[in-house]
Amino acid sequence: MTGYFVQLGRCDVPFLYHVDEVRNGRGFCVRRVDVTQQETKGIVFTCICSLKLPDDSPVDLQQTMNVKEKYKEVLGDVKTWWELEDAPSVLVNR
């Protein structure tokens, strides 16, 4: 994912997510996401997301690591993203 904050947004105003399909492949897909708010003029945040299906490879070069366990002194009781409450936002497909 590569993203940029283009201008300031307000945390008390719902965000509108505009998702465009850039590419759909067999193993990869790419999405462009533009985030706006009603009170601001223009895009607040924009990003390109590349998503890949998991594949079975005889060679696995990436180590698995429990980040929460390794950095528990720093993180404390930080919640994971699925434990957080839903943000008051709207997802819009163009």
PDB file of N, CA and C in Angstrom:
ATOM      1  N   MET A   1       0.846  -1.169   0.000  1.00  0.00           N
ATOM      2  CA  MET A   1       0.000   0.000   0.000  1.00  0.00           C
ATOM      3  C   MET A   1       0.892   1.233   0.000  1.00  0.00           C
ATOM      4  N   THR A   2       0.551   2.171  -0.836  1.00  0.00           N
ATOM      5  CA  THR A   2       1.212   3.468  -0.857  1.00  0.00           C
ATOM      6  C   THR A   2       0.126   4.524  -0.732  1.00  0.00           C
ATOM      7  N   GLY A   3       0.229   5.397   0.267  1.00  0.00           N
ATOM      8  CA  GLY A   3      -0.814   6.377   0.483  1.00  0.00           C
ATOM      9  C   GLY A   3      -0.279   7.747   0.843  1.00  0.00           C
ATOM     10  N   TYR A   4      -1.113   8.749   0.609  1.00  0.00           N
ATOM     11  CA  TYR A   4      -0.734  10.132   0.872  1.00  0.00           C
ATOM     12  C   TYR A   4      -1.907  10.891   1.488  1.00  0.00           C
ATOM     13  N   PHE A   5      -1.621  11.651   2.544  1.00  0.00           N
ATOM     14  CA  PHE A   5      -2.597  12.592   3.082  1.00  0.00           C
ATOM     15  C   PHE A   5      -2.437  13.875   2.284  1.00  0.00           C
ATOM     16  N   VAL A   6      -3.474  14.241   1.546  1.00  0.00           N
ATOM     17  CA  VAL A   6      -3.417  15.392   0.650  1.00  0.00           C
ATOM     18  C   VAL A   6      -3.784  16.677   1.382  1.00  0.00           C
ATOM     19  N   GLN A   7      -4.736  16.585   2.287  1.00  0.00           N
ATOM     20  CA  GLN A   7      -5.119  17.736   3.099  1.00  0.00           C
ATOM     21  C   GLN A   7      -5.666  17.241   4.430  1.00  0.00           C
ATOM     22  N   LEU A   8      -5.885  18.167   5.340  1.00  0.00           N
ATOM     23  CA  LEU A   8      -6.382  17.808   6.665  1.00  0.00           C
ATOM     24  C   LEU A   8      -7.836  17.361   6.608  1.00  0.00           C
ATOM     25  N   GLY A   9      -8.146  16.371   7.417  1.00  0.00           N
ATOM     26  CA  GLY A   9      -9.520  15.928   7.566  1.00  0.00           C
ATOM     27  C   GLY A   9      -9.965  16.170   8.992  1.00  0.00           C
ATOM     28  N   ARG A  10     -11.263  16.059   9.214  1.00  0.00           N
ATOM     29  CA  ARG A  10     -11.813  16.246  10.550  1.00  0.00           C
ATOM     30  C   ARG A  10     -12.265  14.896  11.086  1.00  0.00           C
ATOM     31  N   CYS A  11     -11.844  14.563  12.305  1.00  0.00           N
ATOM     32  CA  CYS A  11     -12.174  13.257  12.878  1.00  0.00           C
ATOM     33  C   CYS A  11     -13.630  13.167  13.326  1.00  0.00           C
ATOM     34  N   ASP A  12     -14.337  14.286  13.433  1.00  0.00           N
ATOM     35  CA  ASP A  12     -15.734  14.254  13.856  1.00  0.00           C
ATOM     36  C   ASP A  12     -16.707  14.221  12.677  1.00  0.00           C
ATOM     37  N   VAL A  13     -16.179  14.135  11.454  1.00  0.00           N
ATOM     38  CA  VAL A  13     -17.007  14.089  10.250  1.00  0.00           C
ATOM     39  C   VAL A  13     -16.760  12.750   9.552  1.00  0.00           C
ATOM     40  N   PRO A  14     -17.831  12.047   9.125  1.00  0.00           N
ATOM     41  CA  PRO A  14     -17.636  10.749   8.472  1.00  0.00           C
ATOM     42  C   PRO A  14     -16.804  10.856   7.188  1.00  0.00           C
ATOM     43  N   PHE A  15     -16.040   9.813   6.940  1.00  0.00           N
ATOM     44  CA  PHE A  15     -15.237   9.722   5.724  1.00  0.00           C
ATOM     45  C   PHE A  15     -16.021   8.959   4.660  1.00  0.00           C
ATOM     46  N   LEU A  16     -15.838   9.347   3.412  1.00  0.00           N
ATOM     47  CA  LEU A  16     -16.424   8.644   2.275  1.00  0.00           C
ATOM     48  C   LEU A  16     -15.294   7.986   1.508  1.00  0.00           C
ATOM     49  N   TYR A  17     -15.362   6.669   1.322  1.00  0.00           N
ATOM     50  CA  TYR A  17     -14.323   5.907   0.641  1.00  0.00           C
ATOM     51  C   TYR A  17     -14.782   5.594  -0.780  1.00  0.00           C
ATOM     52  N   HIS A  18     -14.038   6.049  -1.764  1.00  0.00           N
ATOM     53  CA  HIS A  18     -14.322   5.783  -3.165  1.00  0.00           C
ATOM     54  C   HIS A  18     -13.295   4.771  -3.659  1.00  0.00           C
ATOM     55  N   VAL A  19     -13.747   3.562  -4.002  1.00  0.00           N
ATOM     56  CA  VAL A  19     -12.847   2.475  -4.375  1.00  0.00           C
ATOM     57  C   VAL A  19     -12.987   2.212  -5.870  1.00  0.00           C
ATOM     58  N   ASP A  20     -11.864   2.271  -6.591  1.00  0.00           N
ATOM     59  CA  ASP A  20     -11.828   1.971  -8.023  1.00  0.00           C
ATOM     60  C   ASP A  20     -11.006   0.715  -8.261  1.00  0.00           C
ATOM     61  N   GLU A  21     -11.531  -0.171  -9.100  1.00  0.00           N
ATOM     62  CA  GLU A  21     -10.776  -1.355  -9.491  1.00  0.00           C
ATOM     63  C   GLU A  21      -9.793  -0.956 -10.585  1.00  0.00           C
ATOM     64  N   VAL A  22      -8.504  -1.054 -10.298  1.00  0.00           N
ATOM     65  CA  VAL A  22      -7.474  -0.743 -11.283  1.00  0.00           C
ATOM     66  C   VAL A  22      -7.173  -1.981 -12.119  1.00  0.00           C
ATOM     67  N   ARG A  23      -7.031  -3.118 -11.439  1.00  0.00           N
ATOM     68  CA  ARG A  23      -6.710  -4.367 -12.137  1.00  0.00           C
ATOM     69  C   ARG A  23      -7.215  -5.554 -11.336  1.00  0.00           C
ATOM     70  N   ASN A  24      -7.749  -6.541 -12.044  1.00  0.00           N
ATOM     71  CA  ASN A  24      -8.117  -7.823 -11.459  1.00  0.00           C
ATOM     72  C   ASN A  24      -7.375  -8.906 -12.215  1.00  0.00           C
ATOM     73  N   GLY A  25      -6.467  -9.574 -11.547  1.00  0.00           N
ATOM     74  CA  GLY A  25      -5.721 -10.658 -12.169  1.00  0.00           C
ATOM     75  C   GLY A  25      -6.022 -11.970 -11.486  1.00  0.00           C
ATOM     76  N   ARG A  26      -5.292 -13.014 -11.875  1.00  0.00           N
ATOM     77  CA  ARG A  26      -5.514 -14.324 -11.259  1.00  0.00           C
ATOM     78  C   ARG A  26      -4.960 -14.373  -9.844  1.00  0.00           C
ATOM     79  N   GLY A  27      -3.815 -13.751  -9.618  1.00  0.00           N
ATOM     80  CA  GLY A  27      -3.190 -13.787  -8.304  1.00  0.00           C
ATOM     81  C   GLY A  27      -3.098 -12.441  -7.629  1.00  0.00           C
ATOM     82  N   PHE A  28      -3.193 -11.363  -8.404  1.00  0.00           N
ATOM     83  CA  PHE A  28      -3.059 -10.008  -7.872  1.00  0.00           C
ATOM     84  C   PHE A  28      -4.279  -9.182  -8.248  1.00  0.00           C
ATOM     85  N   CYS A  29      -4.614  -8.220  -7.413  1.00  0.00           N
ATOM     86  CA  CYS A  29      -5.578  -7.192  -7.785  1.00  0.00           C
ATOM     87  C   CYS A  29      -5.096  -5.867  -7.199  1.00  0.00           C
ATOM     88  N   VAL A  30      -5.460  -4.796  -7.863  1.00  0.00           N
ATOM     89  CA  VAL A  30      -5.022  -3.459  -7.449  1.00  0.00           C
ATOM     90  C   VAL A  30      -6.255  -2.575  -7.315  1.00  0.00           C
ATOM     91  N   ARG A  31      -6.305  -1.816  -6.225  1.00  0.00           N
ATOM     92  CA  ARG A  31      -7.404  -0.881  -5.972  1.00  0.00           C
ATOM     93  C   ARG A  31      -6.847   0.498  -5.678  1.00  0.00           C
ATOM     94  N   ARG A  32      -7.543   1.511  -6.183  1.00  0.00           N
ATOM     95  CA  ARG A  32      -7.221   2.888  -5.824  1.00  0.00           C
ATOM     96  C   ARG A  32      -8.342   3.369  -4.901  1.00  0.00           C
ATOM     97  N   VAL A  33      -7.970   3.950  -3.768  1.00  0.00           N
ATOM     98  CA  VAL A  33      -8.948   4.414  -2.787  1.00  0.00           C
ATOM     99  C   VAL A  33      -8.741   5.911  -2.572  1.00  0.00           C
ATOM    100  N   ASP A  34      -9.804   6.676  -2.779  1.00  0.00           N
ATOM    101  CA  ASP A  34      -9.798   8.111  -2.494  1.00  0.00           C
ATOM    102  C   ASP A  34     -10.761   8.358  -1.347  1.00  0.00           C
ATOM    103  N   VAL A  35     -10.301   9.081  -0.335  1.00  0.00           N
ATOM    104  CA  VAL A  35     -11.111   9.356   0.846  1.00  0.00           C
ATOM    105  C   VAL A  35     -11.449  10.844   0.861  1.00  0.00           C
ATOM    106  N   THR A  36     -12.738  11.147   0.986  1.00  0.00           N
ATOM    107  CA  THR A  36     -13.196  12.535   1.035  1.00  0.00           C
ATOM    108  C   THR A  36     -14.097  12.726   2.257  1.00  0.00           C
ATOM    109  N   GLN A  37     -14.430  13.980   2.512  1.00  0.00           N
ATOM    110  CA  GLN A  37     -15.400  14.338   3.544  1.00  0.00           C
ATOM    111  C   GLN A  37     -16.317  15.391   2.962  1.00  0.00           C
ATOM    112  N   GLN A  38     -17.535  15.466   3.483  1.00  0.00           N
ATOM    113  CA  GLN A  38     -18.491  16.441   2.963  1.00  0.00           C
ATOM    114  C   GLN A  38     -18.066  17.874   3.240  1.00  0.00           C
ATOM    115  N   GLU A  39     -17.413  18.113   4.378  1.00  0.00           N
ATOM    116  CA  GLU A  39     -17.048  19.479   4.760  1.00  0.00           C
ATOM    117  C   GLU A  39     -15.789  19.987   4.062  1.00  0.00           C
ATOM    118  N   THR A  40     -14.981  19.089   3.481  1.00  0.00           N
ATOM    119  CA  THR A  40     -13.750  19.516   2.819  1.00  0.00           C
ATOM    120  C   THR A  40     -13.937  19.490   1.316  1.00  0.00           C
ATOM    121  N   LYS A  41     -13.130  20.246   0.642  1.00  0.00           N
ATOM    122  CA  LYS A  41     -13.189  20.274  -0.817  1.00  0.00           C
ATOM    123  C   LYS A  41     -12.036  19.452  -1.352  1.00  0.00           C
ATOM    124  N   GLY A  42     -12.354  18.333  -1.962  1.00  0.00           N
ATOM    125  CA  GLY A  42     -11.320  17.500  -2.541  1.00  0.00           C
ATOM    126  C   GLY A  42     -11.000  16.286  -1.699  1.00  0.00           C
ATOM    127  N   ILE A  43      -9.959  15.615  -2.110  1.00  0.00           N
ATOM    128  CA  ILE A  43      -9.540  14.358  -1.505  1.00  0.00           C
ATOM    129  C   ILE A  43      -8.710  14.634  -0.247  1.00  0.00           C
ATOM    130  N   VAL A  44      -9.006  13.901   0.825  1.00  0.00           N
ATOM    131  CA  VAL A  44      -8.266  14.017   2.080  1.00  0.00           C
ATOM    132  C   VAL A  44      -7.089  13.034   2.082  1.00  0.00           C
ATOM    133  N   PHE A  45      -7.341  11.803   1.619  1.00  0.00           N
ATOM    134  CA  PHE A  45      -6.321  10.755   1.592  1.00  0.00           C
ATOM    135  C   PHE A  45      -6.514   9.944   0.327  1.00  0.00           C
ATOM    136  N   THR A  46      -5.412   9.533  -0.297  1.00  0.00           N
ATOM    137  CA  THR A  46      -5.488   8.679  -1.480  1.00  0.00           C
ATOM    138  C   THR A  46      -4.432   7.594  -1.369  1.00  0.00           C
ATOM    139  N   CYS A  47      -4.757   6.407  -1.870  1.00  0.00           N
ATOM    140  CA  CYS A  47      -3.785   5.317  -1.808  1.00  0.00           C
ATOM    141  C   CYS A  47      -4.024   4.308  -2.924  1.00  0.00           C
ATOM    142  N   ILE A  48      -2.991   3.541  -3.205  1.00  0.00           N
ATOM    143  CA  ILE A  48      -3.044   2.409  -4.121  1.00  0.00           C
ATOM    144  C   ILE A  48      -2.765   1.164  -3.291  1.00  0.00           C
ATOM    145  N   CYS A  49      -3.648   0.176  -3.369  1.00  0.00           N
ATOM    146  CA  CYS A  49      -3.487  -1.073  -2.618  1.00  0.00           C
ATOM    147  C   CYS A  49      -3.303  -2.225  -3.583  1.00  0.00           C
ATOM    148  N   SER A  50      -2.230  -2.973  -3.415  1.00  0.00           N
ATOM    149  CA  SER A  50      -1.994  -4.183  -4.185  1.00  0.00           C
ATOM    150  C   SER A  50      -2.268  -5.368  -3.276  1.00  0.00           C
ATOM    151  N   LEU A  51      -3.148  -6.240  -3.712  1.00  0.00           N
ATOM    152  CA  LEU A  51      -3.545  -7.396  -2.920  1.00  0.00           C
ATOM    153  C   LEU A  51      -3.153  -8.664  -3.661  1.00  0.00           C
ATOM    154  N   LYS A  52      -2.642  -9.638  -2.932  1.00  0.00           N
ATOM    155  CA  LYS A  52      -2.147 -10.866  -3.537  1.00  0.00           C
ATOM    156  C   LYS A  52      -2.763 -12.061  -2.831  1.00  0.00           C
ATOM    157  N   LEU A  53      -3.174 -13.043  -3.612  1.00  0.00           N
ATOM    158  CA  LEU A  53      -3.660 -14.288  -3.030  1.00  0.00           C
ATOM    159  C   LEU A  53      -2.486 -15.060  -2.450  1.00  0.00           C
ATOM    160  N   PRO A  54      -2.707 -15.770  -1.364  1.00  0.00           N
ATOM    161  CA  PRO A  54      -1.610 -16.591  -0.823  1.00  0.00           C
ATOM    162  C   PRO A  54      -1.267 -17.708  -1.805  1.00  0.00           C
ATOM    163  N   ASP A  55      -0.002 -18.052  -1.865  1.00  0.00           N
ATOM    164  CA  ASP A  55       0.399 -19.134  -2.762  1.00  0.00           C
ATOM    165  C   ASP A  55       1.226 -20.152  -1.988  1.00  0.00           C
ATOM    166  N   ASP A  56       1.178 -21.377  -2.459  1.00  0.00           N
ATOM    167  CA  ASP A  56       1.962 -22.450  -1.854  1.00  0.00           C
ATOM    168  C   ASP A  56       3.294 -22.512  -2.573  1.00  0.00           C
ATOM    169  N   SER A  57       4.354 -22.231  -1.842  1.00  0.00           N
ATOM    170  CA  SER A  57       5.682 -22.229  -2.421  1.00  0.00           C
ATOM    171  C   SER A  57       6.570 -23.167  -1.610  1.00  0.00           C
ATOM    172  N   PRO A  58       7.428 -23.927  -2.296  1.00  0.00           N
ATOM    173  CA  PRO A  58       8.350 -24.776  -1.541  1.00  0.00           C
ATOM    174  C   PRO A  58       9.400 -23.968  -0.786  1.00  0.00           C
ATOM    175  N   VAL A  59       9.578 -22.707  -1.186  1.00  0.00           N
ATOM    176  CA  VAL A  59      10.551 -21.840  -0.536  1.00  0.00           C
ATOM    177  C   VAL A  59       9.798 -20.700   0.142  1.00  0.00           C
ATOM    178  N   ASP A  60       9.916 -20.619   1.456  1.00  0.00           N
ATOM    179  CA  ASP A  60       9.278 -19.541   2.197  1.00  0.00           C
ATOM    180  C   ASP A  60      10.380 -18.722   2.850  1.00  0.00           C
ATOM    181  N   LEU A  61      10.587 -17.508   2.331  1.00  0.00           N
ATOM    182  CA  LEU A  61      11.695 -16.677   2.797  1.00  0.00           C
ATOM    183  C   LEU A  61      11.296 -15.704   3.894  1.00  0.00           C
ATOM    184  N   GLN A  62      10.017 -15.588   4.171  1.00  0.00           N
ATOM    185  CA  GLN A  62       9.560 -14.638   5.176  1.00  0.00           C
ATOM    186  C   GLN A  62       9.379 -15.344   6.510  1.00  0.00           C
ATOM    187  N   GLN A  63       9.983 -14.780   7.536  1.00  0.00           N
ATOM    188  CA  GLN A  63       9.842 -15.342   8.872  1.00  0.00           C
ATOM    189  C   GLN A  63       8.504 -14.937   9.469  1.00  0.00           C
ATOM    190  N   THR A  64       7.923 -15.825  10.234  1.00  0.00           N
ATOM    191  CA  THR A  64       6.723 -15.462  10.972  1.00  0.00           C
ATOM    192  C   THR A  64       7.149 -14.965  12.349  1.00  0.00           C
ATOM    193  N   MET A  65       6.457 -13.926  12.809  1.00  0.00           N
ATOM    194  CA  MET A  65       6.822 -13.327  14.086  1.00  0.00           C
ATOM    195  C   MET A  65       5.555 -12.829  14.761  1.00  0.00           C
ATOM    196  N   ASN A  66       5.425 -13.067  16.030  1.00  0.00           N
ATOM    197  CA  ASN A  66       4.323 -12.548  16.815  1.00  0.00           C
ATOM    198  C   ASN A  66       4.733 -11.157  17.305  1.00  0.00           C
ATOM    199  N   VAL A  67       4.337 -10.133  16.556  1.00  0.00           N
ATOM    200  CA  VAL A  67       4.734  -8.754  16.855  1.00  0.00           C
ATOM    201  C   VAL A  67       4.205  -8.314  18.212  1.00  0.00           C
ATOM    202  N   LYS A  68       2.967  -8.692  18.517  1.00  0.00           N
ATOM    203  CA  LYS A  68       2.369  -8.283  19.790  1.00  0.00           C
ATOM    204  C   LYS A  68       3.160  -8.861  20.970  1.00  0.00           C
ATOM    205  N   GLU A  69       3.620 -10.093  20.843  1.00  0.00           N
ATOM    206  CA  GLU A  69       4.399 -10.722  21.909  1.00  0.00           C
ATOM    207  C   GLU A  69       5.804 -10.116  21.990  1.00  0.00           C
ATOM    208  N   LYS A  70       6.436  -9.906  20.849  1.00  0.00           N
ATOM    209  CA  LYS A  70       7.802  -9.393  20.846  1.00  0.00           C
ATOM    210  C   LYS A  70       7.890  -7.977  21.413  1.00  0.00           C
ATOM    211  N   TYR A  71       6.905  -7.132  21.093  1.00  0.00           N
ATOM    212  CA  TYR A  71       6.928  -5.731  21.523  1.00  0.00           C
ATOM    213  C   TYR A  71       5.875  -5.435  22.587  1.00  0.00           C
ATOM    214  N   LYS A  72       5.524  -6.420  23.437  1.00  0.00           N
ATOM    215  CA  LYS A  72       4.466  -6.229  24.419  1.00  0.00           C
ATOM    216  C   LYS A  72       4.772  -5.124  25.423  1.00  0.00           C
ATOM    217  N   GLU A  73       6.049  -4.887  25.721  1.00  0.00           N
ATOM    218  CA  GLU A  73       6.400  -3.814  26.657  1.00  0.00           C
ATOM    219  C   GLU A  73       6.071  -2.448  26.073  1.00  0.00           C
ATOM    220  N   VAL A  74       6.246  -2.298  24.779  1.00  0.00           N
ATOM    221  CA  VAL A  74       5.978  -1.016  24.121  1.00  0.00           C
ATOM    222  C   VAL A  74       4.492  -0.862  23.819  1.00  0.00           C
ATOM    223  N   LEU A  75       3.869  -1.926  23.305  1.00  0.00           N
ATOM    224  CA  LEU A  75       2.480  -1.852  22.876  1.00  0.00           C
ATOM    225  C   LEU A  75       1.485  -1.881  24.029  1.00  0.00           C
ATOM    226  N   GLY A  76       1.819  -2.561  25.102  1.00  0.00           N
ATOM    227  CA  GLY A  76       0.888  -2.662  26.220  1.00  0.00           C
ATOM    228  C   GLY A  76      -0.367  -3.408  25.819  1.00  0.00           C
ATOM    229  N   ASP A  77      -1.526  -2.802  26.056  1.00  0.00           N
ATOM    230  CA  ASP A  77      -2.809  -3.434  25.739  1.00  0.00           C
ATOM    231  C   ASP A  77      -3.434  -2.844  24.477  1.00  0.00           C
ATOM    232  N   VAL A  78      -2.621  -2.565  23.474  1.00  0.00           N
ATOM    233  CA  VAL A  78      -3.134  -2.011  22.221  1.00  0.00           C
ATOM    234  C   VAL A  78      -4.013  -3.055  21.539  1.00  0.00           C
ATOM    235  N   LYS A  79      -5.171  -2.632  21.073  1.00  0.00           N
ATOM    236  CA  LYS A  79      -6.101  -3.544  20.410  1.00  0.00           C
ATOM    237  C   LYS A  79      -5.670  -3.775  18.968  1.00  0.00           C
ATOM    238  N   THR A  80      -6.022  -4.936  18.445  1.00  0.00           N
ATOM    239  CA  THR A  80      -5.812  -5.200  17.023  1.00  0.00           C
ATOM    240  C   THR A  80      -6.924  -4.525  16.237  1.00  0.00           C
ATOM    241  N   TRP A  81      -6.770  -4.422  14.913  1.00  0.00           N
ATOM    242  CA  TRP A  81      -7.747  -3.677  14.110  1.00  0.00           C
ATOM    243  C   TRP A  81      -9.134  -4.304  14.163  1.00  0.00           C
ATOM    244  N   TRP A  82      -9.219  -5.623  14.327  1.00  0.00           N
ATOM    245  CA  TRP A  82     -10.545  -6.250  14.350  1.00  0.00           C
ATOM    246  C   TRP A  82     -11.223  -6.111  15.711  1.00  0.00           C
ATOM    247  N   GLU A  83     -10.496  -5.663  16.731  1.00  0.00           N
ATOM    248  CA  GLU A  83     -11.091  -5.436  18.045  1.00  0.00           C
ATOM    249  C   GLU A  83     -11.599  -4.004  18.208  1.00  0.00           C
ATOM    250  N   LEU A  84     -11.277  -3.127  17.273  1.00  0.00           N
ATOM    251  CA  LEU A  84     -11.687  -1.728  17.355  1.00  0.00           C
ATOM    252  C   LEU A  84     -13.131  -1.557  16.908  1.00  0.00           C
ATOM    253  N   GLU A  85     -13.779  -0.512  17.383  1.00  0.00           N
ATOM    254  CA  GLU A  85     -15.142  -0.204  16.955  1.00  0.00           C
ATOM    255  C   GLU A  85     -15.115   0.299  15.520  1.00  0.00           C
ATOM    256  N   ASP A  86     -16.209   0.057  14.789  1.00  0.00           N
ATOM    257  CA  ASP A  86     -16.305   0.532  13.416  1.00  0.00           C
ATOM    258  C   ASP A  86     -16.330   2.058  13.386  1.00  0.00           C
ATOM    259  N   ALA A  87     -15.623   2.623  12.420  1.00  0.00           N
ATOM    260  CA  ALA A  87     -15.630   4.076  12.246  1.00  0.00           C
ATOM    261  C   ALA A  87     -16.925   4.496  11.558  1.00  0.00           C
ATOM    262  N   PRO A  88     -17.442   5.674  11.888  1.00  0.00           N
ATOM    263  CA  PRO A  88     -18.676   6.143  11.245  1.00  0.00           C
ATOM    264  C   PRO A  88     -18.379   6.640   9.833  1.00  0.00           C
ATOM    265  N   SER A  89     -18.260   5.719   8.889  1.00  0.00           N
ATOM    266  CA  SER A  89     -17.892   6.068   7.529  1.00  0.00           C
ATOM    267  C   SER A  89     -18.792   5.348   6.531  1.00  0.00           C
ATOM    268  N   VAL A  90     -18.663   5.736   5.290  1.00  0.00           N
ATOM    269  CA  VAL A  90     -19.471   5.162   4.221  1.00  0.00           C
ATOM    270  C   VAL A  90     -18.532   4.684   3.130  1.00  0.00           C
ATOM    271  N   LEU A  91     -18.727   3.469   2.623  1.00  0.00           N
ATOM    272  CA  LEU A  91     -17.925   2.935   1.532  1.00  0.00           C
ATOM    273  C   LEU A  91     -18.710   3.141   0.242  1.00  0.00           C
ATOM    274  N   VAL A  92     -18.098   3.800  -0.715  1.00  0.00           N
ATOM    275  CA  VAL A  92     -18.775   4.102  -1.962  1.00  0.00           C
ATOM    276  C   VAL A  92     -17.949   3.514  -3.102  1.00  0.00           C
ATOM    277  N   ASN A  93     -18.561   2.685  -3.934  1.00  0.00           N
ATOM    278  CA  ASN A  93     -17.911   2.173  -5.148  1.00  0.00           C
ATOM    279  C   ASN A  93     -18.377   3.016  -6.324  1.00  0.00           C
ATOM    280  N   ARG A  94     -17.400   3.492  -7.100  1.00  0.00           N
ATOM    281  CA  ARG A  94     -17.763   4.306  -8.275  1.00  0.00           C
ATOM    282  C   ARG A  94     -18.006   3.418  -9.462  1.00  0.00           C
TER     283      ARG A  94
END
